[in-house]
Amino acid sequence: IPLGVYLSIHESSWKEKIISSFTFGLYAMPLFWVATMLIHIFATDTYHLNFFPASGVGDPFTKGWAAFGDTLWHLILPLLCLVYHDIAYITMQMKGAMLEVYQQDYIKLAIAKGLPKKKVIWRHAFRNALFPIITHFSALFPAMITGSIIVENIFGIPGMGDLSVKSILNQDWPVVSCIVFITAILTMIGMLAADLLMAKLNPRINLNK
């Protein structure tokens, strides 16, 4: 989100063009290819950068804080695969929303009144530009919890996405129903959180009606 605000402030600069081009490229890269390349580069000896494990979630015989650290170390590459697409999307969405808000009359009035640039950006423009991001959050929240089928299969992670695929193949419909139910509940929670944030940012929205 701060990167999107930065790009909107420095529109048409060489930094903005480079970062925007990189963000578009990041958004266009398919998930399965990125996951495969991360394993090939950082989990094998091909480029002598074998820093991370290629699969699993840690040694099951490790206990205590060592097990916690080992699990985090195993999840670095999968987490990168899960977030890079949304980081690129939210960055460009925030940039576009800020540029649209800049064209509004109240922003021009605030600038004409001589308000500091930071105050105009963060107090007036930023709050109204957050609405598209909050709308996206309602769909992002359940996706973060339920996991990704592709990432879990490539990295060998026993998550809910992998469980749902195996349950469908094994025709274990009670498990499939539970996963769908949990996803629906998380979607409702995400939509409720988005509505509450909308009402917090925009006093004109009345949730009591």
N, C-alpha and C. Protein backbone atom coordinates (compact mmCIF):
# COMPACT_ATOMS: atom_id res chain seq x y z
N ILE A 1 0.82 -1.21 0.00
CA ILE A 1 0.00 0.00 0.00
C ILE A 1 0.86 1.26 0.00
N PRO A 2 1.87 1.38 0.88
CA PRO A 2 2.74 2.57 0.81
C PRO A 2 3.46 2.69 -0.54
N LEU A 3 3.83 1.56 -1.15
CA LEU A 3 4.49 1.61 -2.45
C LEU A 3 3.55 2.16 -3.51
N GLY A 4 2.27 1.79 -3.46
CA GLY A 4 1.30 2.35 -4.40
C GLY A 4 1.13 3.84 -4.22
N VAL A 5 1.11 4.31 -2.98
CA VAL A 5 1.03 5.75 -2.73
C VAL A 5 2.27 6.46 -3.27
N TYR A 6 3.43 5.87 -3.05
CA TYR A 6 4.68 6.45 -3.55
C TYR A 6 4.67 6.57 -5.07
N LEU A 7 4.19 5.54 -5.76
CA LEU A 7 4.15 5.57 -7.22
C LEU A 7 3.20 6.63 -7.73
N SER A 8 2.08 6.84 -7.03
CA SER A 8 1.13 7.86 -7.46
C SER A 8 1.69 9.27 -7.26
N ILE A 9 2.47 9.45 -6.21
CA ILE A 9 3.06 10.78 -5.96
C ILE A 9 4.12 11.09 -7.00
N HIS A 10 4.90 10.09 -7.39
CA HIS A 10 6.01 10.29 -8.34
C HIS A 10 5.65 9.78 -9.73
N GLU A 11 4.41 10.02 -10.14
CA GLU A 11 3.97 9.56 -11.45
C GLU A 11 4.82 10.18 -12.57
N SER A 12 5.13 9.36 -13.56
CA SER A 12 5.91 9.75 -14.76
C SER A 12 7.39 9.94 -14.48
N SER A 13 7.84 9.71 -13.25
CA SER A 13 9.28 9.77 -12.98
C SER A 13 9.93 8.46 -13.41
N TRP A 14 11.26 8.47 -13.52
CA TRP A 14 11.94 7.26 -13.97
C TRP A 14 11.83 6.14 -12.93
N LYS A 15 11.79 6.51 -11.65
CA LYS A 15 11.62 5.50 -10.61
C LYS A 15 10.25 4.84 -10.72
N GLU A 16 9.23 5.68 -10.95
CA GLU A 16 7.87 5.14 -11.06
C GLU A 16 7.74 4.22 -12.26
N LYS A 17 8.36 4.58 -13.37
CA LYS A 17 8.28 3.74 -14.57
C LYS A 17 8.96 2.39 -14.35
N ILE A 18 10.12 2.39 -13.70
CA ILE A 18 10.84 1.14 -13.45
C ILE A 18 10.06 0.25 -12.49
N ILE A 19 9.58 0.83 -11.38
CA ILE A 19 8.86 0.03 -10.38
C ILE A 19 7.53 -0.48 -10.95
N SER A 20 6.83 0.37 -11.71
CA SER A 20 5.55 -0.05 -12.29
C SER A 20 5.77 -1.17 -13.31
N SER A 21 6.81 -1.07 -14.11
CA SER A 21 7.10 -2.12 -15.09
C SER A 21 7.43 -3.43 -14.39
N PHE A 22 8.23 -3.34 -13.31
CA PHE A 22 8.57 -4.54 -12.54
C PHE A 22 7.32 -5.14 -11.89
N THR A 23 6.43 -4.28 -11.40
CA THR A 23 5.20 -4.76 -10.75
C THR A 23 4.29 -5.45 -11.74
N PHE A 24 4.16 -4.86 -12.93
CA PHE A 24 3.35 -5.50 -13.98
C PHE A 24 3.93 -6.86 -14.35
N GLY A 25 5.24 -6.92 -14.47
CA GLY A 25 5.88 -8.19 -14.79
C GLY A 25 5.68 -9.22 -13.70
N LEU A 26 5.75 -8.77 -12.44
CA LEU A 26 5.53 -9.67 -11.30
C LEU A 26 4.11 -10.21 -11.30
N TYR A 27 3.16 -9.34 -11.63
CA TYR A 27 1.76 -9.75 -11.65
C TYR A 27 1.48 -10.76 -12.77
N ALA A 28 2.24 -10.65 -13.87
CA ALA A 28 2.00 -11.50 -15.03
C ALA A 28 2.61 -12.89 -14.90
N MET A 29 3.55 -13.07 -13.97
CA MET A 29 4.22 -14.36 -13.86
C MET A 29 3.31 -15.40 -13.23
N PRO A 30 3.15 -16.55 -13.87
CA PRO A 30 2.27 -17.60 -13.32
C PRO A 30 2.84 -18.20 -12.04
N LEU A 31 1.95 -18.61 -11.17
CA LEU A 31 2.34 -19.10 -9.85
C LEU A 31 3.17 -20.37 -9.93
N PHE A 32 2.77 -21.32 -10.77
CA PHE A 32 3.49 -22.60 -10.82
C PHE A 32 4.92 -22.40 -11.33
N TRP A 33 5.11 -21.43 -12.24
CA TRP A 33 6.45 -21.17 -12.78
C TRP A 33 7.34 -20.51 -11.73
N VAL A 34 6.78 -19.55 -10.99
CA VAL A 34 7.55 -18.88 -9.93
C VAL A 34 7.94 -19.88 -8.86
N ALA A 35 7.02 -20.75 -8.46
CA ALA A 35 7.34 -21.75 -7.43
C ALA A 35 8.43 -22.69 -7.90
N THR A 36 8.35 -23.11 -9.15
CA THR A 36 9.37 -24.02 -9.70
C THR A 36 10.73 -23.34 -9.78
N MET A 37 10.75 -22.08 -10.20
CA MET A 37 12.02 -21.35 -10.32
C MET A 37 12.64 -21.08 -8.95
N LEU A 38 11.82 -20.78 -7.95
CA LEU A 38 12.35 -20.56 -6.60
C LEU A 38 13.00 -21.82 -6.06
N ILE A 39 12.37 -22.96 -6.29
CA ILE A 39 12.97 -24.22 -5.86
C ILE A 39 14.26 -24.48 -6.63
N HIS A 40 14.24 -24.24 -7.93
CA HIS A 40 15.40 -24.51 -8.78
C HIS A 40 16.60 -23.64 -8.40
N ILE A 41 16.32 -22.38 -8.02
CA ILE A 41 17.42 -21.44 -7.72
C ILE A 41 17.87 -21.53 -6.27
N PHE A 42 16.89 -21.54 -5.34
CA PHE A 42 17.23 -21.41 -3.91
C PHE A 42 17.14 -22.71 -3.12
N ALA A 43 16.76 -23.82 -3.75
CA ALA A 43 16.65 -25.07 -3.00
C ALA A 43 17.43 -26.21 -3.64
N THR A 44 18.25 -25.89 -4.64
CA THR A 44 19.11 -26.89 -5.27
C THR A 44 20.52 -26.32 -5.40
N ASP A 45 21.46 -27.16 -5.81
CA ASP A 45 22.85 -26.74 -5.96
C ASP A 45 23.17 -26.23 -7.36
N THR A 46 22.17 -25.98 -8.17
CA THR A 46 22.40 -25.55 -9.56
C THR A 46 23.17 -24.24 -9.61
N TYR A 47 22.76 -23.27 -8.79
CA TYR A 47 23.40 -21.96 -8.76
C TYR A 47 24.15 -21.73 -7.45
N HIS A 48 24.39 -22.78 -6.69
CA HIS A 48 25.09 -22.72 -5.40
C HIS A 48 24.39 -21.77 -4.42
N LEU A 49 23.05 -21.72 -4.49
CA LEU A 49 22.26 -20.89 -3.58
C LEU A 49 21.27 -21.75 -2.81
N ASN A 50 21.73 -22.93 -2.40
CA ASN A 50 20.87 -23.88 -1.72
C ASN A 50 20.67 -23.46 -0.26
N PHE A 51 19.82 -22.42 -0.06
CA PHE A 51 19.61 -21.87 1.26
C PHE A 51 18.34 -22.41 1.93
N PHE A 52 17.35 -22.81 1.15
CA PHE A 52 16.05 -23.17 1.71
C PHE A 52 15.69 -24.61 1.35
N PRO A 53 14.88 -25.25 2.18
CA PRO A 53 14.41 -26.61 1.85
C PRO A 53 13.39 -26.56 0.71
N ALA A 54 13.33 -27.63 -0.06
CA ALA A 54 12.47 -27.65 -1.24
C ALA A 54 11.05 -28.09 -0.92
N SER A 55 10.82 -28.78 0.18
CA SER A 55 9.48 -29.28 0.46
C SER A 55 9.32 -29.52 1.96
N GLY A 56 8.06 -29.76 2.35
CA GLY A 56 7.77 -30.06 3.74
C GLY A 56 7.59 -28.83 4.59
N VAL A 57 7.30 -29.06 5.87
CA VAL A 57 7.11 -27.96 6.83
C VAL A 57 8.01 -28.11 8.04
N GLY A 58 9.07 -28.89 7.92
CA GLY A 58 10.00 -29.01 9.04
C GLY A 58 10.19 -30.45 9.48
N ASP A 59 11.17 -30.63 10.33
CA ASP A 59 11.49 -31.95 10.87
C ASP A 59 10.49 -32.30 11.97
N PRO A 60 9.74 -33.39 11.83
CA PRO A 60 8.73 -33.73 12.85
C PRO A 60 9.34 -34.11 14.20
N PHE A 61 10.63 -34.42 14.23
CA PHE A 61 11.28 -34.83 15.49
C PHE A 61 11.87 -33.64 16.24
N THR A 62 11.84 -32.45 15.65
CA THR A 62 12.35 -31.24 16.32
C THR A 62 11.28 -30.69 17.24
N LYS A 63 11.69 -30.26 18.44
CA LYS A 63 10.73 -29.79 19.44
C LYS A 63 11.06 -28.36 19.86
N GLY A 64 10.06 -27.70 20.47
CA GLY A 64 10.26 -26.38 21.06
C GLY A 64 10.45 -25.28 20.03
N TRP A 65 11.25 -24.27 20.44
CA TRP A 65 11.50 -23.13 19.57
C TRP A 65 12.28 -23.52 18.33
N ALA A 66 13.06 -24.58 18.43
CA ALA A 66 13.79 -25.05 17.25
C ALA A 66 12.82 -25.52 16.17
N ALA A 67 11.74 -26.18 16.58
CA ALA A 67 10.72 -26.62 15.63
C ALA A 67 10.00 -25.44 15.00
N PHE A 68 9.75 -24.40 15.81
CA PHE A 68 9.10 -23.19 15.30
C PHE A 68 9.97 -22.51 14.24
N GLY A 69 11.26 -22.34 14.54
CA GLY A 69 12.18 -21.74 13.59
C GLY A 69 12.35 -22.58 12.34
N ASP A 70 12.39 -23.90 12.51
CA ASP A 70 12.53 -24.79 11.36
C ASP A 70 11.31 -24.70 10.45
N THR A 71 10.13 -24.61 11.05
CA THR A 71 8.91 -24.49 10.25
C THR A 71 8.90 -23.17 9.47
N LEU A 72 9.27 -22.08 10.12
CA LEU A 72 9.33 -20.78 9.43
C LEU A 72 10.32 -20.83 8.28
N TRP A 73 11.45 -21.48 8.48
CA TRP A 73 12.47 -21.58 7.43
C TRP A 73 11.93 -22.36 6.23
N HIS A 74 11.12 -23.38 6.48
CA HIS A 74 10.52 -24.16 5.40
C HIS A 74 9.43 -23.38 4.67
N LEU A 75 8.82 -22.40 5.33
CA LEU A 75 7.68 -21.70 4.75
C LEU A 75 8.07 -20.43 4.00
N ILE A 76 9.34 -20.05 3.99
CA ILE A 76 9.74 -18.79 3.34
C ILE A 76 9.42 -18.80 1.85
N LEU A 77 9.85 -19.82 1.13
CA LEU A 77 9.59 -19.89 -0.31
C LEU A 77 8.10 -20.03 -0.62
N PRO A 78 7.35 -20.89 0.07
CA PRO A 78 5.91 -20.93 -0.20
C PRO A 78 5.20 -19.61 0.07
N LEU A 79 5.61 -18.91 1.13
CA LEU A 79 4.98 -17.62 1.43
C LEU A 79 5.27 -16.59 0.34
N LEU A 80 6.49 -16.61 -0.18
CA LEU A 80 6.81 -15.71 -1.30
C LEU A 80 5.90 -15.98 -2.49
N CYS A 81 5.65 -17.25 -2.76
CA CYS A 81 4.77 -17.60 -3.88
C CYS A 81 3.33 -17.15 -3.62
N LEU A 82 2.90 -17.20 -2.36
CA LEU A 82 1.52 -16.85 -2.05
C LEU A 82 1.27 -15.35 -2.07
N VAL A 83 2.29 -14.54 -1.79
CA VAL A 83 2.04 -13.10 -1.61
C VAL A 83 2.49 -12.24 -2.79
N TYR A 84 3.37 -12.74 -3.67
CA TYR A 84 3.92 -11.84 -4.68
C TYR A 84 2.85 -11.31 -5.62
N HIS A 85 1.88 -12.16 -5.97
CA HIS A 85 0.83 -11.76 -6.89
C HIS A 85 -0.05 -10.68 -6.28
N ASP A 86 -0.43 -10.86 -5.01
CA ASP A 86 -1.28 -9.88 -4.34
C ASP A 86 -0.53 -8.59 -4.05
N ILE A 87 0.77 -8.68 -3.77
CA ILE A 87 1.56 -7.46 -3.56
C ILE A 87 1.55 -6.61 -4.82
N ALA A 88 1.77 -7.26 -5.98
CA ALA A 88 1.76 -6.52 -7.24
C ALA A 88 0.38 -5.93 -7.52
N TYR A 89 -0.67 -6.72 -7.28
CA TYR A 89 -2.04 -6.27 -7.56
C TYR A 89 -2.42 -5.09 -6.67
N ILE A 90 -2.15 -5.21 -5.36
CA ILE A 90 -2.54 -4.15 -4.43
C ILE A 90 -1.73 -2.87 -4.70
N THR A 91 -0.46 -3.03 -5.07
CA THR A 91 0.37 -1.86 -5.39
C THR A 91 -0.22 -1.07 -6.54
N MET A 92 -0.56 -1.74 -7.64
CA MET A 92 -1.11 -1.05 -8.80
C MET A 92 -2.53 -0.55 -8.53
N GLN A 93 -3.30 -1.30 -7.75
CA GLN A 93 -4.64 -0.86 -7.40
C GLN A 93 -4.59 0.41 -6.56
N MET A 94 -3.64 0.45 -5.61
CA MET A 94 -3.50 1.63 -4.76
C MET A 94 -3.04 2.83 -5.58
N LYS A 95 -2.13 2.61 -6.49
CA LYS A 95 -1.66 3.70 -7.35
C LYS A 95 -2.80 4.27 -8.18
N GLY A 96 -3.59 3.40 -8.81
CA GLY A 96 -4.70 3.87 -9.63
C GLY A 96 -5.75 4.60 -8.81
N ALA A 97 -6.04 4.08 -7.61
CA ALA A 97 -7.04 4.74 -6.75
C ALA A 97 -6.57 6.12 -6.31
N MET A 98 -5.29 6.24 -5.97
CA MET A 98 -4.74 7.53 -5.55
C MET A 98 -4.77 8.53 -6.71
N LEU A 99 -4.41 8.09 -7.90
CA LEU A 99 -4.44 8.99 -9.06
C LEU A 99 -5.86 9.47 -9.36
N GLU A 100 -6.82 8.58 -9.16
CA GLU A 100 -8.22 8.97 -9.38
C GLU A 100 -8.69 9.98 -8.34
N VAL A 101 -8.29 9.77 -7.09
CA VAL A 101 -8.68 10.69 -6.02
C VAL A 101 -8.04 12.06 -6.21
N TYR A 102 -6.81 12.09 -6.73
CA TYR A 102 -6.13 13.36 -6.96
C TYR A 102 -6.92 14.29 -7.88
N GLN A 103 -7.77 13.72 -8.73
CA GLN A 103 -8.53 14.52 -9.68
C GLN A 103 -9.81 15.11 -9.08
N GLN A 104 -10.13 14.73 -7.84
CA GLN A 104 -11.36 15.21 -7.21
C GLN A 104 -11.22 16.67 -6.80
N ASP A 105 -12.37 17.35 -6.75
CA ASP A 105 -12.37 18.78 -6.46
C ASP A 105 -11.89 19.09 -5.04
N TYR A 106 -12.24 18.23 -4.08
CA TYR A 106 -11.85 18.53 -2.71
C TYR A 106 -10.34 18.46 -2.51
N ILE A 107 -9.66 17.63 -3.30
CA ILE A 107 -8.20 17.58 -3.23
C ILE A 107 -7.60 18.86 -3.82
N LYS A 108 -8.15 19.29 -4.94
CA LYS A 108 -7.68 20.55 -5.55
C LYS A 108 -7.93 21.72 -4.61
N LEU A 109 -9.07 21.69 -3.91
CA LEU A 109 -9.37 22.75 -2.94
C LEU A 109 -8.39 22.73 -1.78
N ALA A 110 -8.08 21.53 -1.28
CA ALA A 110 -7.12 21.43 -0.17
C ALA A 110 -5.74 21.94 -0.58
N ILE A 111 -5.34 21.65 -1.80
CA ILE A 111 -4.05 22.16 -2.29
C ILE A 111 -4.09 23.67 -2.44
N ALA A 112 -5.22 24.19 -2.97
CA ALA A 112 -5.36 25.63 -3.16
C ALA A 112 -5.37 26.39 -1.83
N LYS A 113 -5.87 25.75 -0.78
CA LYS A 113 -5.88 26.38 0.54
C LYS A 113 -4.50 26.41 1.18
N GLY A 114 -3.55 25.71 0.57
CA GLY A 114 -2.18 25.74 1.08
C GLY A 114 -1.87 24.71 2.14
N LEU A 115 -2.67 23.64 2.21
CA LEU A 115 -2.38 22.60 3.18
C LEU A 115 -1.08 21.88 2.83
N PRO A 116 -0.33 21.41 3.81
CA PRO A 116 0.91 20.68 3.52
C PRO A 116 0.65 19.46 2.65
N LYS A 117 1.62 19.14 1.81
CA LYS A 117 1.45 18.04 0.85
C LYS A 117 1.19 16.71 1.57
N LYS A 118 1.92 16.46 2.65
CA LYS A 118 1.73 15.20 3.38
C LYS A 118 0.32 15.09 3.96
N LYS A 119 -0.19 16.21 4.43
CA LYS A 119 -1.53 16.21 5.00
C LYS A 119 -2.58 15.95 3.93
N VAL A 120 -2.39 16.54 2.76
CA VAL A 120 -3.33 16.31 1.65
C VAL A 120 -3.31 14.85 1.23
N ILE A 121 -2.10 14.27 1.17
CA ILE A 121 -1.97 12.89 0.70
C ILE A 121 -2.55 11.90 1.70
N TRP A 122 -2.10 11.98 2.96
CA TRP A 122 -2.42 10.93 3.93
C TRP A 122 -3.75 11.16 4.65
N ARG A 123 -4.17 12.42 4.80
CA ARG A 123 -5.40 12.67 5.54
C ARG A 123 -6.63 12.76 4.64
N HIS A 124 -6.43 13.26 3.43
CA HIS A 124 -7.58 13.47 2.54
C HIS A 124 -7.63 12.43 1.42
N ALA A 125 -6.54 12.27 0.69
CA ALA A 125 -6.57 11.38 -0.48
C ALA A 125 -6.49 9.91 -0.07
N PHE A 126 -5.62 9.59 0.87
CA PHE A 126 -5.36 8.19 1.22
C PHE A 126 -6.59 7.47 1.75
N ARG A 127 -7.36 8.12 2.61
CA ARG A 127 -8.53 7.48 3.22
C ARG A 127 -9.54 7.08 2.16
N ASN A 128 -9.77 7.94 1.18
CA ASN A 128 -10.76 7.63 0.14
C ASN A 128 -10.22 6.65 -0.90
N ALA A 129 -8.91 6.60 -1.05
CA ALA A 129 -8.32 5.67 -2.02
C ALA A 129 -8.26 4.25 -1.47
N LEU A 130 -8.52 4.06 -0.19
CA LEU A 130 -8.45 2.73 0.42
C LEU A 130 -9.65 1.85 0.11
N PHE A 131 -10.74 2.44 -0.37
CA PHE A 131 -11.96 1.66 -0.56
C PHE A 131 -11.79 0.47 -1.51
N PRO A 132 -11.14 0.62 -2.68
CA PRO A 132 -10.93 -0.57 -3.52
C PRO A 132 -10.08 -1.64 -2.86
N ILE A 133 -9.09 -1.23 -2.04
CA ILE A 133 -8.23 -2.19 -1.35
C ILE A 133 -9.03 -2.96 -0.30
N ILE A 134 -9.91 -2.25 0.40
CA ILE A 134 -10.74 -2.91 1.42
C ILE A 134 -11.68 -3.92 0.76
N THR A 135 -12.23 -3.57 -0.39
CA THR A 135 -13.09 -4.50 -1.12
C THR A 135 -12.33 -5.77 -1.50
N HIS A 136 -11.09 -5.60 -1.93
CA HIS A 136 -10.27 -6.76 -2.28
C HIS A 136 -9.93 -7.58 -1.05
N PHE A 137 -9.82 -6.94 0.11
CA PHE A 137 -9.47 -7.64 1.35
C PHE A 137 -10.52 -8.69 1.70
N SER A 138 -11.78 -8.44 1.37
CA SER A 138 -12.83 -9.39 1.71
C SER A 138 -12.62 -10.73 1.01
N ALA A 139 -12.00 -10.71 -0.18
CA ALA A 139 -11.70 -11.96 -0.88
C ALA A 139 -10.31 -12.49 -0.51
N LEU A 140 -9.42 -11.59 -0.12
CA LEU A 140 -8.06 -12.00 0.20
C LEU A 140 -7.99 -12.75 1.53
N PHE A 141 -8.82 -12.38 2.49
CA PHE A 141 -8.76 -12.97 3.82
C PHE A 141 -9.01 -14.48 3.81
N PRO A 142 -10.09 -14.96 3.20
CA PRO A 142 -10.26 -16.43 3.20
C PRO A 142 -9.19 -17.14 2.39
N ALA A 143 -8.67 -16.52 1.35
CA ALA A 143 -7.61 -17.15 0.55
C ALA A 143 -6.35 -17.34 1.37
N MET A 144 -6.04 -16.39 2.27
CA MET A 144 -4.84 -16.50 3.10
C MET A 144 -4.96 -17.67 4.08
N ILE A 145 -6.17 -17.96 4.53
CA ILE A 145 -6.36 -19.00 5.53
C ILE A 145 -6.47 -20.38 4.88
N THR A 146 -7.25 -20.47 3.81
CA THR A 146 -7.51 -21.78 3.22
C THR A 146 -6.34 -22.29 2.40
N GLY A 147 -5.41 -21.43 2.01
CA GLY A 147 -4.20 -21.87 1.34
C GLY A 147 -4.33 -21.96 -0.16
N SER A 148 -3.27 -22.40 -0.81
CA SER A 148 -3.21 -22.50 -2.25
C SER A 148 -2.92 -23.94 -2.65
N ILE A 149 -3.73 -24.46 -3.56
CA ILE A 149 -3.57 -25.85 -3.99
C ILE A 149 -2.25 -26.04 -4.72
N ILE A 150 -1.92 -25.11 -5.62
CA ILE A 150 -0.71 -25.24 -6.43
C ILE A 150 0.53 -25.20 -5.55
N VAL A 151 0.60 -24.21 -4.66
CA VAL A 151 1.78 -24.05 -3.81
C VAL A 151 1.95 -25.25 -2.89
N GLU A 152 0.86 -25.72 -2.31
CA GLU A 152 0.94 -26.85 -1.39
C GLU A 152 1.38 -28.13 -2.09
N ASN A 153 0.96 -28.31 -3.33
CA ASN A 153 1.37 -29.50 -4.08
C ASN A 153 2.82 -29.42 -4.50
N ILE A 154 3.28 -28.26 -4.94
CA ILE A 154 4.66 -28.13 -5.41
C ILE A 154 5.64 -28.24 -4.24
N PHE A 155 5.31 -27.63 -3.11
CA PHE A 155 6.22 -27.64 -1.96
C PHE A 155 5.93 -28.77 -0.97
N GLY A 156 4.97 -29.61 -1.27
CA GLY A 156 4.69 -30.74 -0.39
C GLY A 156 4.20 -30.33 0.98
N ILE A 157 3.31 -29.36 1.05
CA ILE A 157 2.80 -28.86 2.32
C ILE A 157 1.41 -29.46 2.58
N PRO A 158 1.20 -30.08 3.71
CA PRO A 158 -0.11 -30.69 4.00
C PRO A 158 -1.12 -29.65 4.49
N GLY A 159 -1.57 -28.79 3.59
CA GLY A 159 -2.51 -27.73 3.95
C GLY A 159 -3.92 -28.06 3.53
N MET A 160 -4.82 -27.08 3.68
CA MET A 160 -6.22 -27.29 3.36
C MET A 160 -6.45 -27.44 1.86
N GLY A 161 -5.66 -26.75 1.05
CA GLY A 161 -5.79 -26.90 -0.39
C GLY A 161 -5.45 -28.30 -0.84
N ASP A 162 -4.34 -28.81 -0.34
CA ASP A 162 -3.94 -30.19 -0.67
C ASP A 162 -4.96 -31.19 -0.13
N LEU A 163 -5.48 -30.94 1.05
CA LEU A 163 -6.49 -31.83 1.65
C LEU A 163 -7.76 -31.85 0.81
N SER A 164 -8.17 -30.68 0.30
CA SER A 164 -9.40 -30.63 -0.49
C SER A 164 -9.26 -31.43 -1.78
N VAL A 165 -8.10 -31.33 -2.45
CA VAL A 165 -7.88 -32.10 -3.68
C VAL A 165 -7.91 -33.60 -3.40
N LYS A 166 -7.20 -34.03 -2.36
CA LYS A 166 -7.18 -35.44 -2.03
C LYS A 166 -8.56 -35.94 -1.62
N SER A 167 -9.32 -35.11 -0.93
CA SER A 167 -10.66 -35.52 -0.50
C SER A 167 -11.58 -35.68 -1.70
N ILE A 168 -11.46 -34.78 -2.68
CA ILE A 168 -12.28 -34.89 -3.89
C ILE A 168 -11.92 -36.15 -4.68
N LEU A 169 -10.61 -36.41 -4.82
CA LEU A 169 -10.17 -37.59 -5.56
C LEU A 169 -10.61 -38.89 -4.85
N ASN A 170 -10.61 -38.84 -3.51
CA ASN A 170 -11.02 -40.03 -2.74
C ASN A 170 -12.52 -40.07 -2.46
N GLN A 171 -13.24 -39.06 -2.99
CA GLN A 171 -14.68 -38.95 -2.78
C GLN A 171 -15.04 -38.94 -1.30
N ASP A 172 -14.22 -38.23 -0.53
CA ASP A 172 -14.49 -38.07 0.90
C ASP A 172 -15.32 -36.80 1.08
N TRP A 173 -16.61 -36.90 0.80
CA TRP A 173 -17.46 -35.72 0.73
C TRP A 173 -17.67 -35.02 2.08
N PRO A 174 -17.69 -35.70 3.21
CA PRO A 174 -17.79 -34.96 4.48
C PRO A 174 -16.64 -33.97 4.68
N VAL A 175 -15.41 -34.39 4.33
CA VAL A 175 -14.26 -33.48 4.46
C VAL A 175 -14.40 -32.32 3.48
N VAL A 176 -14.83 -32.60 2.25
CA VAL A 176 -15.02 -31.55 1.26
C VAL A 176 -16.07 -30.54 1.74
N SER A 177 -17.15 -31.06 2.31
CA SER A 177 -18.21 -30.18 2.82
C SER A 177 -17.70 -29.29 3.95
N CYS A 178 -16.86 -29.86 4.83
CA CYS A 178 -16.30 -29.07 5.94
C CYS A 178 -15.40 -27.96 5.42
N ILE A 179 -14.57 -28.27 4.41
CA ILE A 179 -13.67 -27.27 3.85
C ILE A 179 -14.45 -26.15 3.18
N VAL A 180 -15.49 -26.51 2.43
CA VAL A 180 -16.34 -25.50 1.79
C VAL A 180 -17.04 -24.64 2.84
N PHE A 181 -17.49 -25.28 3.92
CA PHE A 181 -18.17 -24.54 4.99
C PHE A 181 -17.21 -23.56 5.66
N ILE A 182 -15.98 -24.02 5.96
CA ILE A 182 -14.98 -23.14 6.58
C ILE A 182 -14.65 -21.96 5.66
N THR A 183 -14.50 -22.24 4.35
CA THR A 183 -14.22 -21.18 3.39
C THR A 183 -15.35 -20.16 3.35
N ALA A 184 -16.60 -20.64 3.39
CA ALA A 184 -17.75 -19.73 3.38
C ALA A 184 -17.78 -18.85 4.63
N ILE A 185 -17.48 -19.46 5.79
CA ILE A 185 -17.45 -18.68 7.03
C ILE A 185 -16.36 -17.61 6.96
N LEU A 186 -15.17 -17.97 6.47
CA LEU A 186 -14.08 -17.01 6.36
C LEU A 186 -14.42 -15.90 5.36
N THR A 187 -15.13 -16.24 4.29
CA THR A 187 -15.55 -15.22 3.33
C THR A 187 -16.51 -14.23 3.99
N MET A 188 -17.44 -14.73 4.78
CA MET A 188 -18.38 -13.86 5.49
C MET A 188 -17.64 -12.96 6.49
N ILE A 189 -16.65 -13.53 7.18
CA ILE A 189 -15.87 -12.72 8.12
C ILE A 189 -15.10 -11.63 7.37
N GLY A 190 -14.52 -12.00 6.21
CA GLY A 190 -13.81 -11.00 5.41
C GLY A 190 -14.72 -9.90 4.93
N MET A 191 -15.94 -10.24 4.49
CA MET A 191 -16.90 -9.22 4.03
C MET A 191 -17.36 -8.34 5.19
N LEU A 192 -17.54 -8.94 6.36
CA LEU A 192 -17.93 -8.16 7.54
C LEU A 192 -16.81 -7.19 7.92
N ALA A 193 -15.57 -7.68 7.91
CA ALA A 193 -14.43 -6.81 8.23
C ALA A 193 -14.32 -5.67 7.22
N ALA A 194 -14.57 -5.96 5.94
CA ALA A 194 -14.51 -4.92 4.91
C ALA A 194 -15.60 -3.87 5.15
N ASP A 195 -16.82 -4.31 5.51
CA ASP A 195 -17.90 -3.35 5.77
C ASP A 195 -17.59 -2.48 6.98
N LEU A 196 -17.02 -3.08 8.03
CA LEU A 196 -16.68 -2.31 9.22
C LEU A 196 -15.58 -1.28 8.92
N LEU A 197 -14.60 -1.67 8.12
CA LEU A 197 -13.54 -0.73 7.75
C LEU A 197 -14.08 0.38 6.87
N MET A 198 -15.00 0.05 5.98
CA MET A 198 -15.63 1.07 5.14
C MET A 198 -16.35 2.10 6.00
N ALA A 199 -17.12 1.61 6.98
CA ALA A 199 -17.85 2.52 7.86
C ALA A 199 -16.90 3.36 8.72
N LYS A 200 -15.76 2.79 9.08
CA LYS A 200 -14.78 3.53 9.88
C LYS A 200 -14.15 4.66 9.08
N LEU A 201 -13.87 4.39 7.80
CA LEU A 201 -13.21 5.39 6.97
C LEU A 201 -14.18 6.41 6.40
N ASN A 202 -15.43 6.02 6.20
CA ASN A 202 -16.42 6.92 5.61
C ASN A 202 -17.58 7.10 6.58
N PRO A 203 -17.65 8.24 7.28
CA PRO A 203 -18.72 8.46 8.27
C PRO A 203 -20.11 8.49 7.64
N ARG A 204 -20.21 8.68 6.31
CA ARG A 204 -21.51 8.74 5.66
C ARG A 204 -22.16 7.36 5.56
N ILE A 205 -21.39 6.29 5.76
CA ILE A 205 -21.94 4.93 5.72
C ILE A 205 -22.51 4.59 7.09
N ASN A 206 -23.80 4.26 7.11
CA ASN A 206 -24.50 3.93 8.35
C ASN A 206 -24.87 2.46 8.33
N LEU A 207 -24.22 1.66 9.16
CA LEU A 207 -24.48 0.21 9.20
C LEU A 207 -25.75 -0.13 9.96
N ASN A 208 -26.36 0.85 10.64
CA ASN A 208 -27.57 0.57 11.43
C ASN A 208 -28.84 0.56 10.59
N LYS A 209 -28.75 1.02 9.34
CA LYS A 209 -29.94 1.05 8.51
C LYS A 209 -30.22 -0.34 7.95
